[in-house]
Amino acid sequence: MKRLLSIIGATILTMSLGVSSAFAQTENYLSIGDSLAAGQTPYQQIDTGYSDLIAMKLGMTGQLSFYTKELAFPGYTTADVLKRVKSEEASDLLANATLITVSAGANDLLRLVQVNPTAGTLAFAQLQTDYALNIARKNMAEILNELKVRAPKAKVYVMGYYFAYPSVHATQKEGTNAQLVKLNKILQQQAEHAGAVFIDVYDSFGLNATNLLPNISDVHPNFEGYRQMANAFLHEYSGSKTLAISSNELPKPNPISFEQILEQVAKAEQKQVKNEKPSPTARAIQGGFKGYAAFMEKVRAKELF
């Protein structure tokens, strides 16, 4: 099957190694959602994320036919993910999917948290976060209902979230952590109601995971953090630890900056002007990065998932 590249130009890890599989079918895997689904690093780049690691492992064991994170985009809220799922360009991908992971909800909540990484403080307004959590609940319910219709062959897994501010003072963690716990509970409830599976990653990080979240000014994990997320999924998916990814299996870093992505977008647009047929990479990047300049302004102002 034709391999597609992700919207962010990261190489898709779809290794078909001829290893015999105990599973009845190989998977057509879609990663949907925010920057965690897209594989954003702690330093505003795109590289291997949890979905790439899942695809890598399934490919190594002969359980993967197709993988893309074309429906993932940094900064997406649940409303953005819902719009993406309903989009025409997503139709064929969803119709053929057998496995879907969804990361959505953190941006609804954490964009309301005021962070001072130098001072180690957090602040938020309870009324605003309550409203945001309710919106996330409604949107996630609709996302999962849409996936039932648009991806009838797919098993859907909803990814939970970790505490994103391990470097702030201990006295500052309780309130924001309580909101994150509420978000995870909402995601779990909506997943279970829709017949999907919730993946809990919270305990793998805890409140003090500075080794997994090394940049005090950024909420994204390093490779080891993404490995923890991937393994949480793989354990639930397989029912055992047989598919667990070890640290020495992690690929070498190969990050691409947002500026490089924008350069690829410009080149893809130039090819279209010349009526040249763009490559799969160019088509994927161009389709996924409409409005990217506006997004970059948001990134510079405040870190987003």
Protein backbone atom coordinates (compact mmCIF):
# COMPACT_ATOMS: atom_id res chain seq x y z
CA MET A 1 0.00 0.00 0.00
CA LYS A 2 1.16 3.46 -0.79
CA ARG A 3 2.86 5.08 2.19
CA LEU A 4 1.93 8.65 3.06
CA LEU A 5 4.18 11.05 4.91
CA SER A 6 2.97 12.99 7.89
CA ILE A 7 1.83 16.61 7.69
CA ILE A 8 5.03 17.73 9.31
CA GLY A 9 7.53 16.09 7.04
CA ALA A 10 8.71 13.54 9.60
CA THR A 11 9.58 10.21 8.07
CA ILE A 12 6.87 7.66 8.63
CA LEU A 13 8.15 4.55 10.27
CA THR A 14 6.41 1.75 8.46
CA MET A 15 8.88 -1.11 8.44
CA SER A 16 7.45 -4.31 7.06
CA LEU A 17 10.12 -6.79 8.10
CA GLY A 18 8.39 -10.05 7.32
CA VAL A 19 8.17 -11.02 10.98
CA SER A 20 5.33 -13.44 11.70
CA SER A 21 2.51 -11.91 13.70
CA ALA A 22 0.13 -13.42 16.19
CA PHE A 23 -2.50 -10.87 15.19
CA ALA A 24 -5.12 -11.66 12.56
CA GLN A 25 -4.59 -8.50 10.54
CA THR A 26 -2.14 -5.75 9.87
CA GLU A 27 -3.20 -2.25 10.82
CA ASN A 28 -3.99 0.89 8.87
CA TYR A 29 -3.01 3.32 11.62
CA LEU A 30 -4.03 6.99 11.90
CA SER A 31 -2.71 9.32 14.57
CA ILE A 32 -5.17 12.19 15.15
CA GLY A 33 -4.89 15.23 17.39
CA ASP A 34 -2.57 17.85 18.77
CA SER A 35 1.21 18.31 18.92
CA LEU A 36 1.72 15.15 20.96
CA ALA A 37 0.16 13.17 18.12
CA ALA A 38 2.32 15.16 15.70
CA GLY A 39 5.55 14.51 17.65
CA GLN A 40 6.59 18.00 18.77
CA THR A 41 9.83 18.12 20.75
CA PRO A 42 10.60 20.25 23.84
CA TYR A 43 12.45 22.68 21.56
CA GLN A 44 9.78 23.66 19.00
CA GLN A 45 10.71 21.05 16.43
CA ILE A 46 8.99 17.99 15.02
CA ASP A 47 10.52 14.54 15.37
CA THR A 48 9.55 11.04 16.45
CA GLY A 49 6.51 11.08 18.75
CA TYR A 50 4.51 8.37 20.45
CA SER A 51 2.55 7.50 17.31
CA ASP A 52 5.76 7.11 15.29
CA LEU A 53 7.08 4.73 17.96
CA ILE A 54 3.82 2.76 17.91
CA ALA A 55 4.05 2.51 14.12
CA MET A 56 7.71 1.50 14.38
CA LYS A 57 6.96 -1.35 16.75
CA LEU A 58 3.93 -2.60 14.83
CA GLY A 59 6.02 -2.51 11.66
CA MET A 60 8.84 -4.47 13.26
CA THR A 61 6.42 -7.23 14.21
CA GLY A 62 4.64 -7.38 10.88
CA GLN A 63 1.46 -5.78 12.16
CA LEU A 64 1.42 -2.57 10.11
CA SER A 65 0.27 -1.92 6.56
CA PHE A 66 -0.08 1.86 6.65
CA TYR A 67 0.55 4.79 8.98
CA THR A 68 0.10 8.55 8.84
CA LYS A 69 -0.16 11.44 11.27
CA GLU A 70 -1.56 13.68 8.55
CA LEU A 71 -4.57 14.44 10.76
CA ALA A 72 -2.42 15.68 13.66
CA PHE A 73 -1.44 19.32 14.08
CA PRO A 74 0.29 21.31 16.85
CA GLY A 75 -2.05 23.55 18.81
CA TYR A 76 -5.26 21.70 17.95
CA THR A 77 -8.10 21.96 20.44
CA THR A 78 -10.95 19.45 20.55
CA ALA A 79 -12.91 21.78 18.26
CA ASP A 80 -10.05 21.74 15.74
CA VAL A 81 -9.79 17.95 15.89
CA LEU A 82 -13.54 17.62 15.38
CA LYS A 83 -13.37 19.89 12.33
CA ARG A 84 -10.43 17.86 10.96
CA VAL A 85 -12.27 14.56 11.45
CA LYS A 86 -15.27 15.96 9.55
CA SER A 87 -13.15 17.32 6.71
CA GLU A 88 -13.33 15.96 3.18
CA GLU A 89 -9.59 15.26 3.06
CA ALA A 90 -9.92 12.94 6.06
CA SER A 91 -12.69 10.80 4.55
CA ASP A 92 -10.61 8.17 2.74
CA LEU A 93 -8.07 7.90 5.54
CA LEU A 94 -10.80 7.30 8.11
CA ALA A 95 -12.78 4.90 5.93
CA ASN A 96 -9.75 2.62 5.58
CA ALA A 97 -8.43 2.92 9.12
CA THR A 98 -8.35 -0.09 11.43
CA LEU A 99 -6.48 1.62 14.29
CA ILE A 100 -6.80 5.22 15.50
CA THR A 101 -5.21 7.09 18.39
CA VAL A 102 -6.61 10.47 19.44
CA SER A 103 -4.86 13.18 21.47
CA ALA A 104 -7.23 16.06 22.16
CA GLY A 105 -8.23 18.18 25.13
CA ALA A 106 -5.04 19.60 26.63
CA ASN A 107 -5.12 22.76 24.53
CA ASP A 108 -8.70 23.47 25.61
CA LEU A 109 -7.48 23.54 29.20
CA LEU A 110 -3.82 24.53 29.35
CA ARG A 111 -4.11 27.61 27.15
CA LEU A 112 -5.94 29.09 30.15
CA VAL A 113 -3.05 28.38 32.54
CA GLN A 114 -0.70 31.32 33.08
CA VAL A 115 2.83 29.99 33.46
CA ASN A 116 5.93 31.79 34.72
CA PRO A 117 8.65 29.15 34.28
CA THR A 118 11.37 31.34 35.77
CA ALA A 119 9.40 32.04 38.94
CA GLY A 120 7.95 28.53 38.95
CA THR A 121 4.34 29.67 39.26
CA LEU A 122 0.99 28.68 37.72
CA ALA A 123 -2.33 30.52 37.74
CA PHE A 124 -5.78 29.99 36.24
CA ALA A 125 -9.39 31.06 36.72
CA GLN A 126 -11.60 28.22 37.90
CA LEU A 127 -14.71 29.44 36.05
CA GLN A 128 -12.82 29.52 32.76
CA THR A 129 -11.32 26.07 33.20
CA ASP A 130 -14.68 24.58 34.18
CA TYR A 131 -16.16 25.98 30.98
CA ALA A 132 -13.24 24.71 28.89
CA LEU A 133 -13.51 21.22 30.37
CA ASN A 134 -17.21 21.11 29.57
CA ILE A 135 -16.51 22.13 25.97
CA ALA A 136 -13.81 19.44 25.75
CA ARG A 137 -16.29 16.87 27.05
CA LYS A 138 -18.90 17.77 24.44
CA ASN A 139 -16.40 17.90 21.58
CA MET A 140 -14.75 14.62 22.51
CA ALA A 141 -18.14 12.92 22.58
CA GLU A 142 -18.82 14.25 19.08
CA ILE A 143 -15.34 13.30 17.83
CA LEU A 144 -15.86 9.72 18.94
CA ASN A 145 -19.35 9.59 17.46
CA GLU A 146 -17.99 10.88 14.15
CA LEU A 147 -15.26 8.24 14.19
CA LYS A 148 -17.87 5.52 14.66
CA VAL A 149 -19.51 6.64 11.43
CA ARG A 150 -16.48 7.67 9.40
CA ALA A 151 -14.07 4.96 10.55
CA PRO A 152 -16.33 1.94 11.05
CA LYS A 153 -13.46 -0.57 10.83
CA ALA A 154 -11.22 1.18 13.36
CA LYS A 155 -10.50 0.42 16.99
CA VAL A 156 -10.15 3.82 18.65
CA TYR A 157 -7.82 4.65 21.53
CA VAL A 158 -8.04 7.97 23.40
CA MET A 159 -4.70 9.09 24.80
CA GLY A 160 -4.63 10.63 28.26
CA TYR A 161 -2.32 13.41 29.39
CA TYR A 162 0.53 13.86 31.83
CA PHE A 163 1.21 16.72 34.25
CA ALA A 164 3.06 19.20 32.03
CA TYR A 165 4.77 21.46 34.61
CA PRO A 166 7.18 19.38 36.70
CA SER A 167 9.62 22.28 37.19
CA VAL A 168 7.27 24.66 39.02
CA HIS A 169 7.26 24.91 42.81
CA ALA A 170 5.55 22.03 44.59
CA THR A 171 3.04 24.42 46.16
CA GLN A 172 1.97 25.52 42.66
CA LYS A 173 1.19 22.09 41.28
CA GLU A 174 -1.94 21.06 43.15
CA GLY A 175 -4.53 23.31 41.51
CA THR A 176 -3.46 22.80 37.89
CA ASN A 177 -2.92 19.11 38.47
CA ALA A 178 -6.48 18.79 39.75
CA GLN A 179 -7.77 20.28 36.49
CA LEU A 180 -5.66 17.84 34.47
CA VAL A 181 -7.02 14.94 36.50
CA LYS A 182 -10.53 16.17 35.66
CA LEU A 183 -9.62 16.30 31.97
CA ASN A 184 -8.29 12.74 32.03
CA LYS A 185 -11.44 11.58 33.79
CA ILE A 186 -13.58 13.26 31.12
CA LEU A 187 -11.57 11.63 28.34
CA GLN A 188 -11.83 8.24 30.02
CA GLN A 189 -15.59 8.54 30.51
CA GLN A 190 -16.20 9.62 26.92
CA ALA A 191 -13.98 6.84 25.59
CA GLU A 192 -15.75 4.18 27.60
CA HIS A 193 -19.18 5.53 26.65
CA ALA A 194 -18.25 5.36 22.94
CA GLY A 195 -16.71 1.90 23.13
CA ALA A 196 -13.18 3.27 22.70
CA VAL A 197 -10.19 2.58 24.94
CA PHE A 198 -8.59 5.16 27.22
CA ILE A 199 -4.80 5.09 27.56
CA ASP A 200 -3.60 6.35 30.93
CA VAL A 201 -0.14 7.95 30.77
CA TYR A 202 -0.42 10.07 33.91
CA ASP A 203 1.30 7.65 36.30
CA SER A 204 4.21 7.13 33.90
CA PHE A 205 5.11 10.81 34.37
CA GLY A 206 3.84 11.84 37.80
CA LEU A 207 4.32 15.37 39.10
CA ASN A 208 8.11 15.61 38.96
CA ALA A 209 9.14 14.17 35.58
CA THR A 210 11.83 16.71 34.73
CA ASN A 211 13.77 13.86 33.09
CA LEU A 212 10.91 13.43 30.59
CA LEU A 213 10.04 17.14 30.24
CA PRO A 214 13.50 18.76 30.16
CA ASN A 215 12.61 22.29 28.99
CA ILE A 216 11.06 24.34 31.80
CA SER A 217 9.49 26.64 29.19
CA ASP A 218 7.85 23.88 27.16
CA VAL A 219 5.20 21.22 27.81
CA HIS A 220 6.42 18.58 25.33
CA PRO A 221 8.29 15.40 26.26
CA ASN A 222 11.61 14.08 25.01
CA PHE A 223 12.04 10.71 23.27
CA GLU A 224 11.93 8.89 26.58
CA GLY A 225 8.64 10.57 27.46
CA TYR A 226 7.16 9.58 24.12
CA ARG A 227 8.45 6.04 24.72
CA GLN A 228 6.49 5.92 27.97
CA MET A 229 3.34 7.01 26.11
CA ALA A 230 3.86 4.51 23.31
CA ASN A 231 4.42 1.68 25.78
CA ALA A 232 1.25 2.56 27.67
CA PHE A 233 -0.64 2.16 24.40
CA LEU A 234 1.18 -1.01 23.34
CA HIS A 235 0.47 -2.67 26.69
CA GLU A 236 -3.25 -1.96 26.34
CA TYR A 237 -3.25 -2.91 22.66
CA SER A 238 -1.53 -6.26 23.10
CA GLY A 239 -2.68 -7.12 26.62
CA SER A 240 0.90 -7.73 27.73
CA LYS A 241 4.39 -6.23 27.71
CA THR A 242 5.51 -8.24 24.69
CA LEU A 243 5.48 -5.19 22.40
CA ALA A 244 7.19 -2.84 24.86
CA ILE A 245 9.82 -0.58 23.32
CA SER A 246 13.15 -0.53 25.13
CA SER A 247 15.31 2.59 25.40
CA ASN A 248 17.92 1.13 23.05
CA GLU A 249 15.27 0.75 20.34
CA LEU A 250 14.64 4.49 20.16
CA PRO A 251 15.67 6.00 16.82
CA LYS A 252 18.31 8.69 16.58
CA PRO A 253 16.97 12.25 16.74
CA ASN A 254 16.14 13.71 13.35
CA PRO A 255 14.24 16.92 14.14
CA ILE A 256 12.81 19.32 11.62
CA SER A 257 12.22 22.92 12.65
CA PHE A 258 9.04 24.85 11.98
CA GLU A 259 11.07 27.14 9.73
CA GLN A 260 12.18 24.16 7.63
CA ILE A 261 8.58 23.03 7.39
CA LEU A 262 7.53 26.46 6.15
CA GLU A 263 10.30 26.31 3.54
CA GLN A 264 8.92 22.98 2.32
CA VAL A 265 5.45 24.51 2.14
CA ALA A 266 6.80 27.36 0.00
CA LYS A 267 8.53 24.92 -2.34
CA ALA A 268 5.35 22.86 -2.66
CA GLU A 269 3.38 25.98 -3.54
CA GLN A 270 5.96 26.97 -6.17
CA LYS A 271 5.65 23.53 -7.77
CA GLN A 272 1.90 23.87 -7.95
CA VAL A 273 2.21 27.27 -9.62
CA LYS A 274 4.40 25.62 -12.27
CA ASN A 275 1.77 22.89 -12.69
CA GLU A 276 4.17 20.29 -11.46
CA LYS A 277 2.77 17.30 -9.66
CA PRO A 278 3.86 17.69 -6.01
CA SER A 279 5.41 14.81 -4.14
CA PRO A 280 3.44 13.03 -1.39
CA THR A 281 5.51 14.95 1.15
CA ALA A 282 4.70 18.29 -0.44
CA ARG A 283 0.99 17.51 -0.70
CA ALA A 284 0.84 16.39 2.91
CA ILE A 285 2.70 19.39 4.26
CA GLN A 286 0.76 21.90 2.22
CA GLY A 287 -2.57 20.39 3.17
CA GLY A 288 -1.71 20.32 6.84
CA PHE A 289 -0.09 23.69 7.31
CA LYS A 290 -2.69 26.16 6.12
CA GLY A 291 -2.64 28.95 8.65
CA TYR A 292 0.71 27.90 10.02
CA ALA A 293 2.03 31.46 10.27
CA ALA A 294 -0.83 32.35 12.61
CA PHE A 295 -0.13 29.23 14.62
CA MET A 296 3.53 30.19 14.99
CA GLU A 297 2.49 33.47 16.57
CA LYS A 298 0.56 31.49 19.16
CA VAL A 299 3.54 29.24 19.76
CA ARG A 300 5.79 32.21 20.39
CA ALA A 301 3.29 33.70 22.81
CA LYS A 302 2.51 30.53 24.75
CA GLU A 303 3.47 26.89 24.57
CA LEU A 304 0.73 24.62 23.29
CA PHE A 305 0.23 20.90 22.93
